[in-house]
Amino acid sequence: LRLAIPTPEHFLPLLYSLAIYDSKSDHI
């Protein structure tokens, strides 16, 4: 993952999407 994410800017938008996941009703 250190090689995959040498700088965080392309990775961080993923966290914004996952943060809004609803564990009670959502499917991924």
PDB file of all heavy atoms in Angstrom:
ATOM      1  N   LEU A   1       0.822  -1.210   0.000  1.00  0.00           N
ATOM      2  CA  LEU A   1       0.000   0.000   0.000  1.00  0.00           C
ATOM      3  C   LEU A   1       0.858   1.263   0.000  1.00  0.00           C
ATOM      4  O   LEU A   1       0.445   2.283  -0.560  1.00  0.00           O
ATOM      5  CB  LEU A   1      -0.948   0.001   1.196  1.00  0.00           C
ATOM      6  CG  LEU A   1      -2.029  -1.080   1.213  1.00  0.00           C
ATOM      7  CD1 LEU A   1      -3.017  -0.836   2.346  1.00  0.00           C
ATOM      8  CD2 LEU A   1      -2.764  -1.163  -0.116  1.00  0.00           C
ATOM      9  N   ARG A   2       2.020   1.216   0.597  1.00  0.00           N
ATOM     10  CA  ARG A   2       2.920   2.382   0.543  1.00  0.00           C
ATOM     11  C   ARG A   2       3.343   2.662  -0.889  1.00  0.00           C
ATOM     12  O   ARG A   2       3.440   3.823  -1.301  1.00  0.00           O
ATOM     13  CB  ARG A   2       4.153   2.150   1.415  1.00  0.00           C
ATOM     14  CG  ARG A   2       3.893   2.223   2.909  1.00  0.00           C
ATOM     15  CD  ARG A   2       5.177   2.431   3.689  1.00  0.00           C
ATOM     16  NE  ARG A   2       6.167   1.381   3.485  1.00  0.00           N
ATOM     17  CZ  ARG A   2       6.217   0.257   4.181  1.00  0.00           C
ATOM     18  NH1 ARG A   2       5.316   0.023   5.138  1.00  0.00           N
ATOM     19  NH2 ARG A   2       7.155  -0.654   3.948  1.00  0.00           N
ATOM     20  N   LEU A   3       3.578   1.609  -1.660  1.00  0.00           N
ATOM     21  CA  LEU A   3       3.918   1.793  -3.077  1.00  0.00           C
ATOM     22  C   LEU A   3       2.698   2.253  -3.870  1.00  0.00           C
ATOM     23  O   LEU A   3       2.807   3.067  -4.787  1.00  0.00           O
ATOM     24  CB  LEU A   3       4.446   0.485  -3.659  1.00  0.00           C
ATOM     25  CG  LEU A   3       5.875   0.106  -3.286  1.00  0.00           C
ATOM     26  CD1 LEU A   3       6.174  -1.338  -3.695  1.00  0.00           C
ATOM     27  CD2 LEU A   3       6.877   1.052  -3.953  1.00  0.00           C
ATOM     28  N   ALA A   4       1.539   1.749  -3.505  1.00  0.00           N
ATOM     29  CA  ALA A   4       0.307   2.083  -4.218  1.00  0.00           C
ATOM     30  C   ALA A   4      -0.142   3.504  -3.938  1.00  0.00           C
ATOM     31  O   ALA A   4      -0.796   4.133  -4.782  1.00  0.00           O
ATOM     32  CB  ALA A   4      -0.805   1.110  -3.831  1.00  0.00           C
ATOM     33  N   ILE A   5       0.199   4.017  -2.741  1.00  0.00           N
ATOM     34  CA  ILE A   5      -0.271   5.330  -2.304  1.00  0.00           C
ATOM     35  C   ILE A   5       0.932   6.160  -1.863  1.00  0.00           C
ATOM     36  O   ILE A   5       1.107   6.460  -0.678  1.00  0.00           O
ATOM     37  CB  ILE A   5      -1.292   5.194  -1.147  1.00  0.00           C
ATOM     38  CG1 ILE A   5      -2.365   4.154  -1.502  1.00  0.00           C
ATOM     39  CG2 ILE A   5      -1.936   6.540  -0.826  1.00  0.00           C
ATOM     40  CD1 ILE A   5      -3.228   3.740  -0.328  1.00  0.00           C
ATOM     41  N   PRO A   6       1.816   6.547  -2.799  1.00  0.00           N
ATOM     42  CA  PRO A   6       2.993   7.336  -2.420  1.00  0.00           C
ATOM     43  C   PRO A   6       2.620   8.723  -1.904  1.00  0.00           C
ATOM     44  O   PRO A   6       3.330   9.307  -1.093  1.00  0.00           O
ATOM     45  CB  PRO A   6       3.805   7.409  -3.713  1.00  0.00           C
ATOM     46  CG  PRO A   6       2.800   7.199  -4.811  1.00  0.00           C
ATOM     47  CD  PRO A   6       1.794   6.267  -4.247  1.00  0.00           C
ATOM     48  N   THR A   7       1.523   9.262  -2.402  1.00  0.00           N
ATOM     49  CA  THR A   7       0.925  10.493  -1.892  1.00  0.00           C
ATOM     50  C   THR A   7      -0.576  10.235  -1.762  1.00  0.00           C
ATOM     51  O   THR A   7      -1.143   9.454  -2.532  1.00  0.00           O
ATOM     52  CB  THR A   7       1.187  11.690  -2.828  1.00  0.00           C
ATOM     53  OG1 THR A   7       0.720  11.372  -4.146  1.00  0.00           O
ATOM     54  CG2 THR A   7       2.676  12.019  -2.892  1.00  0.00           C
ATOM     55  N   PRO A   8      -1.265  10.887  -0.812  1.00  0.00           N
ATOM     56  CA  PRO A   8      -2.618  10.449  -0.462  1.00  0.00           C
ATOM     57  C   PRO A   8      -3.761  10.979  -1.312  1.00  0.00           C
ATOM     58  O   PRO A   8      -4.887  10.508  -1.178  1.00  0.00           O
ATOM     59  CB  PRO A   8      -2.761  10.950   0.976  1.00  0.00           C
ATOM     60  CG  PRO A   8      -1.917  12.178   1.025  1.00  0.00           C
ATOM     61  CD  PRO A   8      -0.733  11.889   0.130  1.00  0.00           C
ATOM     62  N   GLU A   9      -3.521  11.962  -2.195  1.00  0.00           N
ATOM     63  CA  GLU A   9      -4.651  12.687  -2.777  1.00  0.00           C
ATOM     64  C   GLU A   9      -5.573  11.818  -3.634  1.00  0.00           C
ATOM     65  O   GLU A   9      -6.784  12.063  -3.683  1.00  0.00           O
ATOM     66  CB  GLU A   9      -4.158  13.900  -3.584  1.00  0.00           C
ATOM     67  CG  GLU A   9      -3.472  13.582  -4.900  1.00  0.00           C
ATOM     68  CD  GLU A   9      -2.024  13.127  -4.753  1.00  0.00           C
ATOM     69  OE1 GLU A   9      -1.493  13.147  -3.617  1.00  0.00           O
ATOM     70  OE2 GLU A   9      -1.420  12.740  -5.773  1.00  0.00           O
ATOM     71  N   HIS A  10      -5.045  10.792  -4.294  1.00  0.00           N
ATOM     72  CA  HIS A  10      -5.923   9.933  -5.101  1.00  0.00           C
ATOM     73  C   HIS A  10      -6.646   8.884  -4.260  1.00  0.00           C
ATOM     74  O   HIS A  10      -7.647   8.309  -4.708  1.00  0.00           O
ATOM     75  CB  HIS A  10      -5.129   9.252  -6.216  1.00  0.00           C
ATOM     76  CG  HIS A  10      -4.974  10.103  -7.430  1.00  0.00           C
ATOM     77  ND1 HIS A  10      -4.077  11.140  -7.495  1.00  0.00           N
ATOM     78  CD2 HIS A  10      -5.622  10.098  -8.620  1.00  0.00           C
ATOM     79  CE1 HIS A  10      -4.171  11.743  -8.663  1.00  0.00           C
ATOM     80  NE2 HIS A  10      -5.114  11.136  -9.361  1.00  0.00           N
ATOM     81  N   PHE A  11      -6.145   8.660  -3.066  1.00  0.00           N
ATOM     82  CA  PHE A  11      -6.729   7.675  -2.158  1.00  0.00           C
ATOM     83  C   PHE A  11      -7.830   8.270  -1.286  1.00  0.00           C
ATOM     84  O   PHE A  11      -8.843   7.621  -1.007  1.00  0.00           O
ATOM     85  CB  PHE A  11      -5.601   7.108  -1.284  1.00  0.00           C
ATOM     86  CG  PHE A  11      -6.041   6.136  -0.246  1.00  0.00           C
ATOM     87  CD1 PHE A  11      -6.465   4.858  -0.586  1.00  0.00           C
ATOM     88  CD2 PHE A  11      -6.016   6.475   1.093  1.00  0.00           C
ATOM     89  CE1 PHE A  11      -6.865   3.951   0.384  1.00  0.00           C
ATOM     90  CE2 PHE A  11      -6.414   5.580   2.071  1.00  0.00           C
ATOM     91  CZ  PHE A  11      -6.833   4.315   1.713  1.00  0.00           C
ATOM     92  N   LEU A  12      -7.664   9.522  -0.879  1.00  0.00           N
ATOM     93  CA  LEU A  12      -8.589  10.134   0.072  1.00  0.00           C
ATOM     94  C   LEU A  12     -10.037  10.216  -0.418  1.00  0.00           C
ATOM     95  O   LEU A  12     -10.966  10.025   0.390  1.00  0.00           O
ATOM     96  CB  LEU A  12      -8.085  11.525   0.467  1.00  0.00           C
ATOM     97  CG  LEU A  12      -6.792  11.547   1.283  1.00  0.00           C
ATOM     98  CD1 LEU A  12      -6.315  12.984   1.481  1.00  0.00           C
ATOM     99  CD2 LEU A  12      -6.973  10.850   2.621  1.00  0.00           C
ATOM    100  N   PRO A  13     -10.303  10.476  -1.701  1.00  0.00           N
ATOM    101  CA  PRO A  13     -11.710  10.504  -2.132  1.00  0.00           C
ATOM    102  C   PRO A  13     -12.457   9.196  -1.872  1.00  0.00           C
ATOM    103  O   PRO A  13     -13.679   9.202  -1.666  1.00  0.00           O
ATOM    104  CB  PRO A  13     -11.617  10.811  -3.628  1.00  0.00           C
ATOM    105  CG  PRO A  13     -10.352  11.610  -3.748  1.00  0.00           C
ATOM    106  CD  PRO A  13      -9.402  10.952  -2.776  1.00  0.00           C
ATOM    107  N   LEU A  14     -11.726   8.074  -1.856  1.00  0.00           N
ATOM    108  CA  LEU A  14     -12.350   6.796  -1.509  1.00  0.00           C
ATOM    109  C   LEU A  14     -12.920   6.848  -0.094  1.00  0.00           C
ATOM    110  O   LEU A  14     -14.035   6.363   0.159  1.00  0.00           O
ATOM    111  CB  LEU A  14     -11.328   5.666  -1.613  1.00  0.00           C
ATOM    112  CG  LEU A  14     -11.776   4.304  -1.074  1.00  0.00           C
ATOM    113  CD1 LEU A  14     -12.888   3.718  -1.940  1.00  0.00           C
ATOM    114  CD2 LEU A  14     -10.583   3.342  -0.998  1.00  0.00           C
ATOM    115  N   LEU A  15     -12.184   7.462   0.828  1.00  0.00           N
ATOM    116  CA  LEU A  15     -12.635   7.531   2.221  1.00  0.00           C
ATOM    117  C   LEU A  15     -13.887   8.379   2.350  1.00  0.00           C
ATOM    118  O   LEU A  15     -14.754   8.093   3.191  1.00  0.00           O
ATOM    119  CB  LEU A  15     -11.522   8.096   3.106  1.00  0.00           C
ATOM    120  CG  LEU A  15     -10.224   7.281   3.141  1.00  0.00           C
ATOM    121  CD1 LEU A  15      -9.241   7.912   4.119  1.00  0.00           C
ATOM    122  CD2 LEU A  15     -10.494   5.824   3.519  1.00  0.00           C
ATOM    123  N   TYR A  16     -14.016   9.416   1.527  1.00  0.00           N
ATOM    124  CA  TYR A  16     -15.232  10.236   1.551  1.00  0.00           C
ATOM    125  C   TYR A  16     -16.443   9.417   1.139  1.00  0.00           C
ATOM    126  O   TYR A  16     -17.532   9.555   1.710  1.00  0.00           O
ATOM    127  CB  TYR A  16     -15.074  11.451   0.637  1.00  0.00           C
ATOM    128  CG  TYR A  16     -14.336  12.588   1.300  1.00  0.00           C
ATOM    129  CD1 TYR A  16     -12.956  12.569   1.409  1.00  0.00           C
ATOM    130  CD2 TYR A  16     -15.016  13.684   1.833  1.00  0.00           C
ATOM    131  CE1 TYR A  16     -12.260  13.598   2.036  1.00  0.00           C
ATOM    132  CE2 TYR A  16     -14.346  14.720   2.459  1.00  0.00           C
ATOM    133  CZ  TYR A  16     -12.961  14.671   2.557  1.00  0.00           C
ATOM    134  OH  TYR A  16     -12.291  15.679   3.189  1.00  0.00           O
ATOM    135  N   SER A  17     -16.282   8.564   0.157  1.00  0.00           N
ATOM    136  CA  SER A  17     -17.404   7.731  -0.285  1.00  0.00           C
ATOM    137  C   SER A  17     -17.752   6.661   0.746  1.00  0.00           C
ATOM    138  O   SER A  17     -18.917   6.438   1.073  1.00  0.00           O
ATOM    139  CB  SER A  17     -17.072   7.090  -1.633  1.00  0.00           C
ATOM    140  OG  SER A  17     -16.850   8.075  -2.623  1.00  0.00           O
ATOM    141  N   LEU A  18     -16.728   5.995   1.275  1.00  0.00           N
ATOM    142  CA  LEU A  18     -16.974   4.924   2.241  1.00  0.00           C
ATOM    143  C   LEU A  18     -17.556   5.444   3.544  1.00  0.00           C
ATOM    144  O   LEU A  18     -18.318   4.739   4.220  1.00  0.00           O
ATOM    145  CB  LEU A  18     -15.676   4.163   2.523  1.00  0.00           C
ATOM    146  CG  LEU A  18     -15.070   3.404   1.349  1.00  0.00           C
ATOM    147  CD1 LEU A  18     -13.767   2.733   1.778  1.00  0.00           C
ATOM    148  CD2 LEU A  18     -16.042   2.368   0.787  1.00  0.00           C
ATOM    149  N   ALA A  19     -17.204   6.669   3.915  1.00  0.00           N
ATOM    150  CA  ALA A  19     -17.685   7.235   5.177  1.00  0.00           C
ATOM    151  C   ALA A  19     -19.206   7.352   5.209  1.00  0.00           C
ATOM    152  O   ALA A  19     -19.814   7.363   6.287  1.00  0.00           O
ATOM    153  CB  ALA A  19     -17.060   8.606   5.412  1.00  0.00           C
ATOM    154  N   ILE A  20     -19.823   7.427   4.048  1.00  0.00           N
ATOM    155  CA  ILE A  20     -21.267   7.657   3.966  1.00  0.00           C
ATOM    156  C   ILE A  20     -22.034   6.339   3.818  1.00  0.00           C
ATOM    157  O   ILE A  20     -23.253   6.311   3.708  1.00  0.00           O
ATOM    158  CB  ILE A  20     -21.565   8.634   2.801  1.00  0.00           C
ATOM    159  CG1 ILE A  20     -20.671   9.865   2.932  1.00  0.00           C
ATOM    160  CG2 ILE A  20     -23.008   9.092   2.804  1.00  0.00           C
ATOM    161  CD1 ILE A  20     -20.687  10.749   1.719  1.00  0.00           C
ATOM    162  N   TYR A  21     -21.308   5.237   3.842  1.00  0.00           N
ATOM    163  CA  TYR A  21     -21.927   3.915   3.779  1.00  0.00           C
ATOM    164  C   TYR A  21     -22.809   3.684   4.997  1.00  0.00           C
ATOM    165  O   TYR A  21     -22.422   3.955   6.132  1.00  0.00           O
ATOM    166  CB  TYR A  21     -20.816   2.857   3.706  1.00  0.00           C
ATOM    167  CG  TYR A  21     -21.271   1.449   3.983  1.00  0.00           C
ATOM    168  CD1 TYR A  21     -21.983   0.738   3.023  1.00  0.00           C
ATOM    169  CD2 TYR A  21     -20.973   0.831   5.194  1.00  0.00           C
ATOM    170  CE1 TYR A  21     -22.398  -0.563   3.272  1.00  0.00           C
ATOM    171  CE2 TYR A  21     -21.373  -0.470   5.457  1.00  0.00           C
ATOM    172  CZ  TYR A  21     -22.087  -1.161   4.487  1.00  0.00           C
ATOM    173  OH  TYR A  21     -22.496  -2.448   4.736  1.00  0.00           O
ATOM    174  N   ASP A  22     -24.010   3.169   4.766  1.00  0.00           N
ATOM    175  CA  ASP A  22     -24.963   2.851   5.827  1.00  0.00           C
ATOM    176  C   ASP A  22     -24.928   1.343   6.062  1.00  0.00           C
ATOM    177  O   ASP A  22     -25.413   0.565   5.237  1.00  0.00           O
ATOM    178  CB  ASP A  22     -26.369   3.302   5.423  1.00  0.00           C
ATOM    179  CG  ASP A  22     -27.411   3.078   6.506  1.00  0.00           C
ATOM    180  OD1 ASP A  22     -27.128   2.324   7.462  1.00  0.00           O
ATOM    181  OD2 ASP A  22     -28.512   3.644   6.393  1.00  0.00           O
ATOM    182  N   SER A  23     -24.343   0.932   7.186  1.00  0.00           N
ATOM    183  CA  SER A  23     -24.159  -0.498   7.451  1.00  0.00           C
ATOM    184  C   SER A  23     -25.481  -1.246   7.618  1.00  0.00           C
ATOM    185  O   SER A  23     -25.526  -2.470   7.482  1.00  0.00           O
ATOM    186  CB  SER A  23     -23.301  -0.688   8.706  1.00  0.00           C
ATOM    187  OG  SER A  23     -23.932  -0.121   9.837  1.00  0.00           O
ATOM    188  N   LYS A  24     -26.569  -0.533   7.905  1.00  0.00           N
ATOM    189  CA  LYS A  24     -27.853  -1.184   8.137  1.00  0.00           C
ATOM    190  C   LYS A  24     -28.606  -1.511   6.855  1.00  0.00           C
ATOM    191  O   LYS A  24     -29.433  -2.422   6.834  1.00  0.00           O
ATOM    192  CB  LYS A  24     -28.729  -0.300   9.027  1.00  0.00           C
ATOM    193  CG  LYS A  24     -28.165  -0.092  10.422  1.00  0.00           C
ATOM    194  CD  LYS A  24     -29.070   0.813  11.241  1.00  0.00           C
ATOM    195  CE  LYS A  24     -28.507   1.033  12.635  1.00  0.00           C
ATOM    196  NZ  LYS A  24     -29.359   1.938  13.444  1.00  0.00           N
ATOM    197  N   SER A  25     -28.305  -0.772   5.787  1.00  0.00           N
ATOM    198  CA  SER A  25     -29.141  -0.963   4.591  1.00  0.00           C
ATOM    199  C   SER A  25     -28.390  -0.957   3.268  1.00  0.00           C
ATOM    200  O   SER A  25     -28.949  -1.362   2.248  1.00  0.00           O
ATOM    201  CB  SER A  25     -30.221   0.133   4.540  1.00  0.00           C
ATOM    202  OG  SER A  25     -29.622   1.418   4.499  1.00  0.00           O
ATOM    203  N   ASP A  26     -27.138  -0.518   3.243  1.00  0.00           N
ATOM    204  CA  ASP A  26     -26.437  -0.367   1.967  1.00  0.00           C
ATOM    205  C   ASP A  26     -25.735  -1.638   1.511  1.00  0.00           C
ATOM    206  O   ASP A  26     -25.311  -2.471   2.325  1.00  0.00           O
ATOM    207  CB  ASP A  26     -25.379   0.745   2.062  1.00  0.00           C
ATOM    208  CG  ASP A  26     -25.982   2.134   1.926  1.00  0.00           C
ATOM    209  OD1 ASP A  26     -27.100   2.251   1.407  1.00  0.00           O
ATOM    210  OD2 ASP A  26     -25.317   3.102   2.336  1.00  0.00           O
ATOM    211  N   HIS A  27     -25.606  -1.744   0.206  1.00  0.00           N
ATOM    212  CA  HIS A  27     -24.838  -2.807  -0.440  1.00  0.00           C
ATOM    213  C   HIS A  27     -23.662  -2.165  -1.168  1.00  0.00           C
ATOM    214  O   HIS A  27     -23.804  -1.085  -1.746  1.00  0.00           O
ATOM    215  CB  HIS A  27     -25.717  -3.572  -1.434  1.00  0.00           C
ATOM    216  CG  HIS A  27     -24.971  -4.561  -2.263  1.00  0.00           C
ATOM    217  ND1 HIS A  27     -24.481  -5.748  -1.752  1.00  0.00           N
ATOM    218  CD2 HIS A  27     -24.610  -4.535  -3.578  1.00  0.00           C
ATOM    219  CE1 HIS A  27     -23.860  -6.411  -2.717  1.00  0.00           C
ATOM    220  NE2 HIS A  27     -23.926  -5.706  -3.825  1.00  0.00           N
ATOM    221  N   ILE A  28     -22.503  -2.813  -1.125  1.00  0.00           N
ATOM    222  CA  ILE A  28     -21.306  -2.303  -1.810  1.00  0.00           C
ATOM    223  C   ILE A  28     -20.922  -3.260  -2.928  1.00  0.00           C
ATOM    224  O   ILE A  28     -20.876  -4.480  -2.724  1.00  0.00           O
ATOM    225  CB  ILE A  28     -20.109  -2.155  -0.844  1.00  0.00           C
ATOM    226  CG1 ILE A  28     -20.412  -1.130   0.248  1.00  0.00           C
ATOM    227  CG2 ILE A  28     -18.855  -1.740  -1.594  1.00  0.00           C
ATOM    228  CD1 ILE A  28     -19.263  -0.938   1.234  1.00  0.00           C
TER     229      ILE A  28
END
